[in-house]
Each structure stands twice: as structure tokens, then as C-alpha cells.
Amino acid sequence: MKRLAQLLVILSVVATTFAQTNRPSAELKLSPAEHSISNAQRLIDQNPKSYEAYNALALALSRRARETSDVRFYAEAQDELKKSFQISPDNFDGKRIEVWLLLGKHEFAAARQEALKLNKRMPDDVMVYGFLTDANVELGNYDEAEKAAQLMLDLRPGNSPGITRAAHLRELFGDVDGAVDLMNMALQTTSPSEAEDEAWILTQIAHLDLSVGRFAEAEKSLNQALTLFPGYHYALGNLAKLRIAQKRYDEAVQVLEQRYQAAPRAENLYDLAEALQLAGHATETGRAFADFEKKSLAEADRADNSNRELIFYYADYAHEPRKALEVAQEEFARRHDVYTLDAYAWALHVNGENQKALKPMETAMAVGIRDARMLRHAGEIALAMGDRAAAQKYLQQAADLNAGDSDLARATLALLSDGNHR
């Protein structure tokens, strides 16, 4: 759910009829999603025939999946939806939550199809447009995504889910400062009781600041996020990126070990392996990469996979370009978002198929995204094609961001200046 960290919906907790006083002390320590789970279970106990109560529980479980990065909560939520549909077949709220679960499981094409059906049933439902935005972003249908996000804001001006989606689109289109402004706007409208929602938005703001080298601002947002929601896996991931940018590699390793313990997903193990290598821990690096490969291959055929990380592992670390391309071709068949286009183009590049790599790389760049690694890849591919002017442009843009891969871009630029590059 790595990249979904940047796309997930800020859903409202189901309203509860229970008083907030005189709760057991253990319950006071529950997360927002755990509170919602507890309240929904009470509603079910009071009225086992209420399909709304099962919907509430399914929604709360899906929120818990985001809090923990544990996909098992999606399966539990699906079970609760089945009970809802047994009582009220095809009820709209249940079908809407079902789309949310499809998104959480990265089944983007199916989510888009089901959201379109719901949109026909209820054309003025704001969150259905949110789901259409999410699915189309992940599939690379950016025009459709932009239209859906705009409709969210037209139907309900100032709504947080619409604002956060607009922010993500601005990032993709290259307007990082505009994205930060929108995320701050969403933060101001988020209830103080929704600690995880606030932490998620703060993490996204930090991610945006990191992408353009604003380290102090990113650190401030991440500290706030981790104060609101201690041990938050999304915030830890970005904190590690900050430490790597600061060349504090051992600290990055410690942070990523903490995140992996909390969310033992393959993509998180890949990040840890990269940090271990930067920190100079050769034995641990080899072990972590080997474990990552095994874990990633086990989920490669699932929609919710770590295929992009697996592509870069084969391309940049294992030096097995054919395997990188095989995985990239499988993922490219599923989706055409900018990150998948970049991974596919890079896999083609390391296989020497630079002419074929040009189209997906240029398509990704045309969206407008300012991402140091993608810009460096674009520069390296242009250079391999003999277009030194384009290579220098992309590499300089990557270097100027002062973010991840900027150092590698500078190194290649230095070689170009010396006339020593191929």
C-alpha cells in the first residue's frame, strides 16, 4: 500500500450514539479506527438486523487497515459487508464501502468499474467521485481523475477528501507548492479527534516538502504526525527518507526497522535493505534483499504487490535485467500511472532497449511530475539515446530538487561536463 499512502481517502467515522464519558481506561487508548470498531460492534449487539451497523463495522475495519498497513482488516471488512448484503441486498452504502475495499486491495480497474455503476445510481454522491479519482490516478487516467476531483469540490466546496485528492493531482502535475497549500487547507478542516487523519495529512505535507528538499519543514510535520499518532508507519517511512537525505544512514535504518516491525510488508523491507546498504552493513543488506525478493515474489501475482520495488531490485541491485523486465511487463499490463511507466521504462533501459523506453518515460514526464528519481531515469535514457541536451535538462532538474537521487544526477552531470560519459 506504499503508493496508496499518497491516495487513501479521509473517511468520516460513523456517528455513534454512545456517550463518551465513563469509558474503561483501556478504551481511551484506542486509535480512532479502534473506537469506531468498538462502537459499530455495540450497534450490532443492540440490533443484529441492522445492515447499517455492519456497514459501520466494515468501514471502521478498512480505516484500521490504513492505520496499521495490515491487509487482513480488508478481509474482515469484506466479511461484515456480506452480512450487510444478506440483510439489505445491494444497499448503496455497502456497495460504496466495497469500492473502497477494492481500492485498498489495489484492484483499481475493478474499483473504477464498480464506482461508475454507483455513479449512475447516485450522480451527486461526493465520495463516489473520490473513488473514481483514486482509481483513475492509479490507472494513469489523469484527465478523468481531474474531472472527478473537480466534481467533488463543485458538489461540496471545501470538503477534505476532495481537497486532498486535488492536492495529490497538483503534485502529479508538478505544482508541489500548490499541493502543500491544499494539504494545509485540509488539515485545518480535520477534526482534532481524528488523530490518524491529521497524521496522514501531515505525512503527506512532509512528503511534498521532502520531494523539493525542504528538510526542516518536513521534519516539523513528521514530528507533529508522530506526536499525534506514535509509531505511525507512513510517517516513519518519510522520516527515514529524511534521514537518508541528511546522510544519517544508521538512524534511517533504526527508523525503518521500527516501521517494518509495525508493518512487515515487502516494500518496507526493500526500503530497509536500501538503507542498510547506504549504512555500509553488507551482511545485513544481503540478507534483507534476499528476504525481500522471496516475500515480493510470493505476492507478485496479487494486485496489492511490491512489483515496482522488485523491478528496481532486479535492475539496480541484483543486476538481473531480464527479470526486471518480466516483472515490469506484468505490472505495465495492469496500470499506466507515472510510477509504473517509470519502472517499465527503466527496466527496458537496463536491458538496452532504450528506443522502447522512450515512449513510457516521455509519457510519464508529460504529466508534469517533479520526482528526482524519475527525472534522473529520464536523463539516463535520453543520454543512452544520444540526446545530451535532453539528458542535461532532466538531470539538472533532478539535481536542483535536492531530494532522493539528486546526488546520482549530479554525479552523471559531472561526468557529462568532463566529457567522460558514454
Protein backbone atom coordinates (compact mmCIF):
# COMPACT_ATOMS: atom_id res chain seq x y z
CA MET A 1 0.00 0.00 0.00
CA LYS A 2 3.06 2.17 -0.39
CA ARG A 3 1.96 4.44 -3.03
CA LEU A 4 -1.76 4.39 -1.54
CA ALA A 5 -0.13 6.17 1.41
CA GLN A 6 -0.27 9.18 -1.05
CA LEU A 7 -4.00 8.40 -2.33
CA LEU A 8 -6.11 6.97 0.59
CA VAL A 9 -9.44 8.54 1.47
CA ILE A 10 -10.11 10.57 4.61
CA LEU A 11 -13.44 8.99 5.52
CA SER A 12 -15.66 10.19 8.32
CA VAL A 13 -16.04 7.94 11.33
CA VAL A 14 -19.54 6.59 11.61
CA ALA A 15 -21.54 8.67 14.05
CA THR A 16 -22.13 6.91 17.34
CA THR A 17 -24.98 7.22 19.78
CA PHE A 18 -22.86 6.25 22.74
CA ALA A 19 -21.78 8.66 25.43
CA GLN A 20 -18.07 9.45 25.60
CA THR A 21 -17.85 9.57 29.40
CA ASN A 22 -17.10 6.82 31.93
CA ARG A 23 -15.33 4.59 29.40
CA PRO A 24 -12.88 1.97 30.62
CA SER A 25 -9.30 3.28 30.65
CA ALA A 26 -8.23 0.67 28.07
CA GLU A 27 -10.78 2.03 25.60
CA LEU A 28 -9.42 5.55 25.99
CA LYS A 29 -6.14 4.28 24.49
CA LEU A 30 -7.81 3.01 21.32
CA SER A 31 -7.00 4.54 17.96
CA PRO A 32 -9.77 6.37 16.05
CA ALA A 33 -10.44 3.28 13.95
CA GLU A 34 -10.48 1.03 17.00
CA HIS A 35 -13.01 3.35 18.64
CA SER A 36 -15.17 3.08 15.51
CA ILE A 37 -14.85 -0.72 15.53
CA SER A 38 -15.92 -0.83 19.18
CA ASN A 39 -18.89 1.46 18.57
CA ALA A 40 -20.03 -0.48 15.50
CA GLN A 41 -19.85 -3.75 17.40
CA ARG A 42 -22.08 -2.23 20.09
CA LEU A 43 -24.58 -1.23 17.43
CA ILE A 44 -24.61 -4.80 16.11
CA ASP A 45 -25.11 -6.17 19.61
CA GLN A 46 -28.08 -3.83 20.06
CA ASN A 47 -29.61 -4.65 16.68
CA PRO A 48 -28.15 -7.64 14.78
CA LYS A 49 -30.60 -6.98 11.93
CA SER A 50 -29.20 -3.53 11.15
CA TYR A 51 -27.32 -3.56 7.86
CA GLU A 52 -26.08 -0.04 8.65
CA ALA A 53 -24.27 -1.40 11.72
CA TYR A 54 -22.41 -3.98 9.61
CA ASN A 55 -21.54 -1.24 7.13
CA ALA A 56 -20.20 0.83 10.00
CA LEU A 57 -18.04 -2.06 11.15
CA ALA A 58 -16.74 -2.70 7.63
CA LEU A 59 -15.81 0.95 7.25
CA ALA A 60 -14.08 1.02 10.62
CA LEU A 61 -12.09 -2.11 9.75
CA SER A 62 -10.97 -0.53 6.49
CA ARG A 63 -9.78 2.51 8.43
CA ARG A 64 -7.87 0.19 10.74
CA ALA A 65 -6.15 -1.29 7.67
CA ARG A 66 -4.78 2.16 6.87
CA GLU A 67 -3.70 2.77 10.46
CA THR A 68 -1.74 -0.48 10.61
CA SER A 69 -0.97 -1.37 6.97
CA ASP A 70 -2.41 -4.81 7.80
CA VAL A 71 -4.41 -6.06 4.81
CA ARG A 72 -6.14 -8.69 6.93
CA PHE A 73 -8.53 -5.98 8.06
CA TYR A 74 -9.79 -5.69 4.48
CA ALA A 75 -10.79 -9.36 4.53
CA GLU A 76 -12.58 -8.85 7.85
CA ALA A 77 -14.37 -5.81 6.42
CA GLN A 78 -15.49 -7.85 3.41
CA ASP A 79 -16.98 -10.44 5.75
CA GLU A 80 -19.01 -7.74 7.50
CA LEU A 81 -20.26 -6.43 4.17
CA LYS A 82 -21.55 -9.88 3.30
CA LYS A 83 -23.72 -9.72 6.42
CA SER A 84 -24.94 -6.28 5.40
CA PHE A 85 -25.93 -7.52 1.94
CA GLN A 86 -27.70 -10.54 3.41
CA ILE A 87 -29.98 -8.13 5.27
CA SER A 88 -30.24 -5.48 2.53
CA PRO A 89 -29.02 -6.77 -0.83
CA ASP A 90 -27.15 -4.23 -2.95
CA ASN A 91 -27.58 -1.38 -0.43
CA PHE A 92 -25.79 1.73 -1.66
CA ASP A 93 -23.65 2.44 1.39
CA GLY A 94 -22.44 -1.14 1.44
CA LYS A 95 -21.59 -1.07 -2.26
CA ARG A 96 -19.71 2.18 -1.74
CA ILE A 97 -17.62 0.63 1.04
CA GLU A 98 -17.00 -2.34 -1.24
CA VAL A 99 -15.39 0.01 -3.77
CA TRP A 100 -13.24 1.47 -1.00
CA LEU A 101 -12.06 -2.06 -0.18
CA LEU A 102 -11.21 -2.71 -3.83
CA LEU A 103 -9.05 0.40 -3.79
CA GLY A 104 -7.37 -0.69 -0.58
CA LYS A 105 -6.55 -4.04 -2.18
CA HIS A 106 -5.18 -2.24 -5.28
CA GLU A 107 -7.83 -3.69 -7.56
CA PHE A 108 -8.06 -0.38 -9.37
CA ALA A 109 -9.71 -1.42 -12.63
CA ALA A 110 -12.47 -3.24 -10.73
CA ALA A 111 -12.86 -0.30 -8.36
CA ARG A 112 -13.29 2.09 -11.27
CA GLN A 113 -15.88 -0.16 -12.90
CA GLU A 114 -17.92 -0.50 -9.71
CA ALA A 115 -17.65 3.22 -8.93
CA LEU A 116 -19.01 4.06 -12.37
CA LYS A 117 -22.02 1.84 -11.65
CA LEU A 118 -22.63 3.62 -8.35
CA ASN A 119 -22.23 6.98 -10.04
CA LYS A 120 -25.10 6.11 -12.36
CA ARG A 121 -27.23 5.14 -9.36
CA MET A 122 -26.46 8.35 -7.46
CA PRO A 123 -24.77 11.01 -9.63
CA ASP A 124 -24.42 13.53 -6.79
CA ASP A 125 -22.58 11.29 -4.30
CA VAL A 126 -19.33 13.06 -3.42
CA MET A 127 -17.35 10.04 -2.24
CA VAL A 128 -18.08 8.03 -5.38
CA TYR A 129 -16.33 10.78 -7.32
CA GLY A 130 -13.49 10.41 -4.83
CA PHE A 131 -13.22 6.73 -5.62
CA LEU A 132 -13.27 7.49 -9.34
CA THR A 133 -10.43 9.94 -8.75
CA ASP A 134 -8.38 7.37 -6.85
CA ALA A 135 -8.89 4.57 -9.36
CA ASN A 136 -8.15 6.74 -12.37
CA VAL A 137 -5.00 8.16 -10.78
CA GLU A 138 -3.66 4.68 -10.19
CA LEU A 139 -4.56 3.57 -13.71
CA GLY A 140 -2.96 6.66 -15.24
CA ASN A 141 -6.23 8.22 -16.46
CA TYR A 142 -5.30 11.67 -15.22
CA ASP A 143 -7.85 13.67 -17.21
CA GLU A 144 -10.67 11.53 -15.82
CA ALA A 145 -9.21 11.80 -12.33
CA GLU A 146 -9.03 15.59 -12.54
CA LYS A 147 -12.64 15.85 -13.68
CA ALA A 148 -13.86 13.62 -10.87
CA ALA A 149 -11.90 15.57 -8.24
CA GLN A 150 -13.30 18.85 -9.54
CA LEU A 151 -16.83 17.47 -9.32
CA MET A 152 -16.18 16.55 -5.68
CA LEU A 153 -15.32 20.15 -4.93
CA ASP A 154 -18.17 21.52 -7.03
CA LEU A 155 -20.72 19.35 -5.23
CA ARG A 156 -19.36 20.12 -1.77
CA PRO A 157 -16.91 23.04 -1.73
CA GLY A 158 -14.16 22.72 0.86
CA ASN A 159 -14.64 19.02 1.65
CA SER A 160 -11.41 17.44 2.92
CA PRO A 161 -11.49 14.28 0.77
CA GLY A 162 -11.84 16.46 -2.33
CA ILE A 163 -9.08 18.81 -1.21
CA THR A 164 -6.58 16.02 -0.52
CA ARG A 165 -7.25 14.47 -3.90
CA ALA A 166 -6.81 17.81 -5.61
CA ALA A 167 -3.53 18.17 -3.73
CA HIS A 168 -2.26 14.83 -4.97
CA LEU A 169 -3.16 15.74 -8.54
CA ARG A 170 -1.31 19.03 -8.19
CA GLU A 171 1.75 17.08 -7.09
CA LEU A 172 1.48 14.80 -10.10
CA PHE A 173 1.11 17.81 -12.39
CA GLY A 174 4.24 19.41 -10.93
CA ASP A 175 2.72 22.03 -8.61
CA VAL A 176 4.26 20.99 -5.30
CA ASP A 177 3.68 24.32 -3.56
CA GLY A 178 0.03 24.28 -4.60
CA ALA A 179 -0.27 20.74 -3.27
CA VAL A 180 1.18 21.81 0.09
CA ASP A 181 -1.30 24.72 0.27
CA LEU A 182 -4.22 22.37 -0.32
CA MET A 183 -2.98 19.83 2.22
CA ASN A 184 -2.69 22.58 4.82
CA MET A 185 -6.25 23.61 3.99
CA ALA A 186 -7.41 20.03 4.53
CA LEU A 187 -5.51 19.88 7.82
CA GLN A 188 -7.35 22.96 9.09
CA THR A 189 -10.73 21.34 8.40
CA THR A 190 -9.91 18.00 10.04
CA SER A 191 -11.42 17.30 13.44
CA PRO A 192 -8.87 17.19 16.30
CA SER A 193 -10.41 13.90 17.38
CA GLU A 194 -9.25 12.29 14.12
CA ALA A 195 -5.62 11.83 15.07
CA GLU A 196 -4.81 9.40 12.28
CA ASP A 197 -6.38 11.62 9.62
CA GLU A 198 -4.31 14.55 10.87
CA ALA A 199 -1.17 12.43 10.99
CA TRP A 200 -1.80 11.21 7.44
CA ILE A 201 -2.17 14.76 6.10
CA LEU A 202 0.93 15.93 7.96
CA THR A 203 2.83 12.98 6.50
CA GLN A 204 1.72 13.96 3.00
CA ILE A 205 2.87 17.54 3.61
CA ALA A 206 6.24 16.20 4.76
CA HIS A 207 6.45 14.00 1.66
CA LEU A 208 5.85 17.03 -0.54
CA ASP A 209 8.46 19.11 1.27
CA LEU A 210 10.96 16.27 1.04
CA SER A 211 10.41 15.99 -2.71
CA VAL A 212 11.81 19.51 -3.18
CA GLY A 213 14.50 19.43 -0.50
CA ARG A 214 12.74 21.36 2.29
CA PHE A 215 14.15 19.25 5.10
CA ALA A 216 13.37 21.50 8.08
CA GLU A 217 9.72 21.83 7.10
CA ALA A 218 9.44 18.08 6.53
CA GLU A 219 10.96 17.31 9.93
CA LYS A 220 8.50 19.62 11.66
CA SER A 221 5.48 17.98 10.01
CA LEU A 222 6.75 14.48 10.74
CA ASN A 223 7.35 15.29 14.39
CA GLN A 224 3.78 16.55 14.62
CA ALA A 225 2.45 13.43 12.90
CA LEU A 226 4.34 11.08 15.21
CA THR A 227 3.20 13.04 18.26
CA LEU A 228 -0.41 12.72 17.17
CA PHE A 229 -0.08 9.06 16.17
CA PRO A 230 3.03 7.46 17.72
CA GLY A 231 4.70 4.80 15.60
CA TYR A 232 2.67 5.74 12.51
CA HIS A 233 4.13 3.64 9.70
CA TYR A 234 3.62 6.22 6.94
CA ALA A 235 5.35 8.92 8.98
CA LEU A 236 8.21 6.58 9.85
CA GLY A 237 8.77 5.84 6.17
CA ASN A 238 9.10 9.52 5.37
CA LEU A 239 11.26 10.16 8.42
CA ALA A 240 13.67 7.53 7.13
CA LYS A 241 13.76 9.27 3.73
CA LEU A 242 14.63 12.48 5.53
CA ARG A 243 17.44 10.82 7.47
CA ILE A 244 18.82 9.35 4.24
CA ALA A 245 18.72 12.76 2.59
CA GLN A 246 20.63 14.07 5.60
CA LYS A 247 23.09 11.16 5.20
CA ARG A 248 22.22 9.90 8.67
CA TYR A 249 22.04 6.35 7.41
CA ASP A 250 22.22 4.41 10.67
CA GLU A 251 19.35 6.47 12.04
CA ALA A 252 17.37 5.71 8.88
CA VAL A 253 18.00 2.01 9.44
CA GLN A 254 16.67 2.25 13.00
CA VAL A 255 13.53 4.04 11.84
CA LEU A 256 12.91 1.55 9.05
CA GLU A 257 13.43 -1.39 11.39
CA GLN A 258 10.76 0.12 13.63
CA ARG A 259 8.42 0.55 10.66
CA TYR A 260 9.00 -2.99 9.43
CA GLN A 261 8.20 -4.39 12.85
CA ALA A 262 4.94 -2.44 12.82
CA ALA A 263 4.11 -3.13 9.15
CA PRO A 264 6.05 -6.17 7.87
CA ARG A 265 5.32 -5.65 4.19
CA ALA A 266 7.70 -6.48 1.34
CA GLU A 267 8.06 -2.89 0.13
CA ASN A 268 9.02 -1.82 3.65
CA LEU A 269 11.70 -4.49 3.75
CA TYR A 270 13.06 -3.21 0.42
CA ASP A 271 13.46 0.28 1.88
CA LEU A 272 15.24 -1.20 4.88
CA ALA A 273 17.63 -3.14 2.63
CA GLU A 274 18.49 0.04 0.70
CA ALA A 275 19.18 1.90 3.95
CA LEU A 276 21.34 -0.93 5.25
CA GLN A 277 23.43 -0.75 2.10
CA LEU A 278 23.85 3.01 2.44
CA ALA A 279 24.91 2.49 6.06
CA GLY A 280 27.56 0.00 4.95
CA HIS A 281 26.09 -3.11 6.59
CA ALA A 282 26.91 -5.56 3.82
CA THR A 283 25.86 -8.81 5.50
CA GLU A 284 22.55 -7.43 6.73
CA THR A 285 21.92 -5.85 3.32
CA GLY A 286 22.30 -9.15 1.52
CA ARG A 287 20.03 -10.90 3.97
CA ALA A 288 17.36 -8.18 3.77
CA PHE A 289 17.36 -8.13 -0.04
CA ALA A 290 17.13 -11.93 -0.18
CA ASP A 291 14.19 -11.90 2.22
CA PHE A 292 12.58 -9.09 0.23
CA GLU A 293 12.87 -10.97 -3.06
CA LYS A 294 11.30 -14.09 -1.56
CA LYS A 295 8.47 -12.12 0.03
CA SER A 296 7.86 -9.99 -3.05
CA LEU A 297 7.73 -12.93 -5.44
CA ALA A 298 5.15 -14.61 -3.20
CA GLU A 299 2.76 -11.70 -3.76
CA ALA A 300 3.74 -10.75 -7.33
CA ASP A 301 0.51 -12.10 -8.85
CA ARG A 302 -1.69 -10.16 -6.42
CA ALA A 303 -2.97 -6.71 -7.22
CA ASP A 304 -1.56 -5.42 -3.91
CA ASN A 305 2.07 -6.23 -4.58
CA SER A 306 5.58 -4.82 -4.37
CA ASN A 307 6.35 -5.22 -8.05
CA ARG A 308 7.81 -1.77 -8.55
CA GLU A 309 10.31 -2.38 -5.77
CA LEU A 310 11.03 -5.81 -7.27
CA ILE A 311 11.73 -4.20 -10.65
CA PHE A 312 14.27 -1.81 -9.14
CA TYR A 313 15.79 -4.61 -7.07
CA TYR A 314 16.46 -6.70 -10.19
CA ALA A 315 17.55 -3.66 -12.22
CA ASP A 316 19.80 -1.85 -9.74
CA TYR A 317 20.93 -4.35 -7.10
CA ALA A 318 20.66 -7.95 -8.31
CA HIS A 319 21.70 -6.93 -11.85
CA GLU A 320 19.23 -9.32 -13.43
CA PRO A 321 17.75 -7.11 -16.15
CA ARG A 322 15.61 -9.79 -17.81
CA LYS A 323 13.82 -10.49 -14.55
CA ALA A 324 13.28 -6.77 -14.06
CA LEU A 325 11.65 -6.52 -17.47
CA GLU A 326 9.45 -9.57 -16.93
CA VAL A 327 8.01 -8.07 -13.74
CA ALA A 328 7.70 -4.63 -15.35
CA GLN A 329 5.74 -6.03 -18.29
CA GLU A 330 3.31 -7.71 -15.91
CA GLU A 331 2.76 -4.53 -13.93
CA PHE A 332 2.52 -2.38 -17.07
CA ALA A 333 -0.34 -4.62 -18.24
CA ARG A 334 -2.27 -3.65 -15.08
CA ARG A 335 -1.74 0.10 -14.89
CA HIS A 336 -0.17 3.11 -16.60
CA ASP A 337 0.36 5.60 -13.77
CA VAL A 338 3.56 7.65 -13.85
CA TYR A 339 5.37 5.45 -11.34
CA THR A 340 4.65 2.27 -13.28
CA LEU A 341 5.64 3.97 -16.54
CA ASP A 342 8.93 4.98 -14.94
CA ALA A 343 9.65 1.47 -13.65
CA TYR A 344 8.78 -0.06 -17.03
CA ALA A 345 10.98 2.43 -18.90
CA TRP A 346 13.88 1.79 -16.51
CA ALA A 347 13.56 -1.97 -16.95
CA LEU A 348 13.72 -1.50 -20.71
CA HIS A 349 16.74 0.78 -20.30
CA VAL A 350 18.79 -1.69 -18.25
CA ASN A 351 18.05 -4.26 -20.95
CA GLY A 352 19.48 -1.92 -23.58
CA GLU A 353 16.06 -1.31 -25.16
CA ASN A 354 16.29 2.46 -24.96
CA GLN A 355 14.22 3.19 -28.04
CA LYS A 356 11.31 1.31 -26.47
CA ALA A 357 11.95 3.02 -23.14
CA LEU A 358 11.47 6.49 -24.60
CA LYS A 359 7.69 6.37 -25.00
CA PRO A 360 6.70 5.32 -21.45
CA MET A 361 9.33 7.68 -19.99
CA GLU A 362 8.17 10.63 -22.07
CA THR A 363 4.54 9.84 -21.27
CA ALA A 364 5.33 9.93 -17.56
CA MET A 365 7.29 13.18 -17.85
CA ALA A 366 4.50 14.81 -19.85
CA VAL A 367 2.18 14.61 -16.84
CA GLY A 368 4.46 17.17 -15.18
CA ILE A 369 5.64 15.35 -12.07
CA ARG A 370 8.79 16.63 -10.36
CA ASP A 371 10.39 13.50 -8.93
CA ALA A 372 14.17 13.28 -8.65
CA ARG A 373 14.43 9.57 -9.41
CA MET A 374 12.11 9.77 -12.40
CA LEU A 375 13.93 12.82 -13.76
CA ARG A 376 17.26 11.03 -13.35
CA HIS A 377 15.90 8.00 -15.17
CA ALA A 378 14.63 10.23 -17.97
CA GLY A 379 18.07 11.82 -18.19
CA GLU A 380 19.90 8.50 -18.31
CA ILE A 381 17.59 7.17 -21.02
CA ALA A 382 17.97 10.35 -23.08
CA LEU A 383 21.73 10.09 -22.69
CA ALA A 384 21.70 6.47 -23.85
CA MET A 385 19.81 7.64 -26.93
CA GLY A 386 22.48 10.25 -27.63
CA ASP A 387 20.29 13.26 -26.76
CA ARG A 388 22.72 15.10 -24.49
CA ALA A 389 20.61 18.29 -24.37
CA ALA A 390 17.55 16.44 -23.06
CA ALA A 391 19.73 14.41 -20.70
CA GLN A 392 21.31 17.53 -19.23
CA LYS A 393 17.89 19.17 -18.80
CA TYR A 394 16.39 16.23 -16.92
CA LEU A 395 19.49 15.58 -14.83
CA GLN A 396 19.78 19.23 -13.84
CA GLN A 397 16.13 19.26 -12.78
CA ALA A 398 16.76 16.16 -10.67
CA ALA A 399 19.85 17.73 -9.11
CA ASP A 400 18.08 21.01 -8.35
CA LEU A 401 15.38 19.27 -6.31
CA ASN A 402 17.95 18.31 -3.68
CA ALA A 403 15.93 15.18 -2.97
CA GLY A 404 16.34 11.42 -3.41
CA ASP A 405 18.57 10.57 -6.43
CA SER A 406 19.77 14.17 -6.72
CA ASP A 407 23.31 13.11 -5.82
CA LEU A 408 23.30 10.45 -8.53
CA ALA A 409 22.05 13.02 -11.03
CA ARG A 410 24.87 15.39 -10.02
CA ALA A 411 27.42 12.65 -10.49
CA THR A 412 26.23 11.97 -14.02
CA LEU A 413 26.19 15.69 -14.78
CA ALA A 414 29.79 15.94 -13.60
CA LEU A 415 30.78 13.14 -15.96
CA LEU A 416 28.96 14.92 -18.78
CA SER A 417 30.83 18.13 -18.06
CA ASP A 418 34.14 16.26 -18.10
CA GLY A 419 33.19 14.56 -21.35
CA ASN A 420 33.73 11.15 -19.75
CA HIS A 421 30.21 9.78 -20.08
CA ARG A 422 29.41 7.40 -22.90
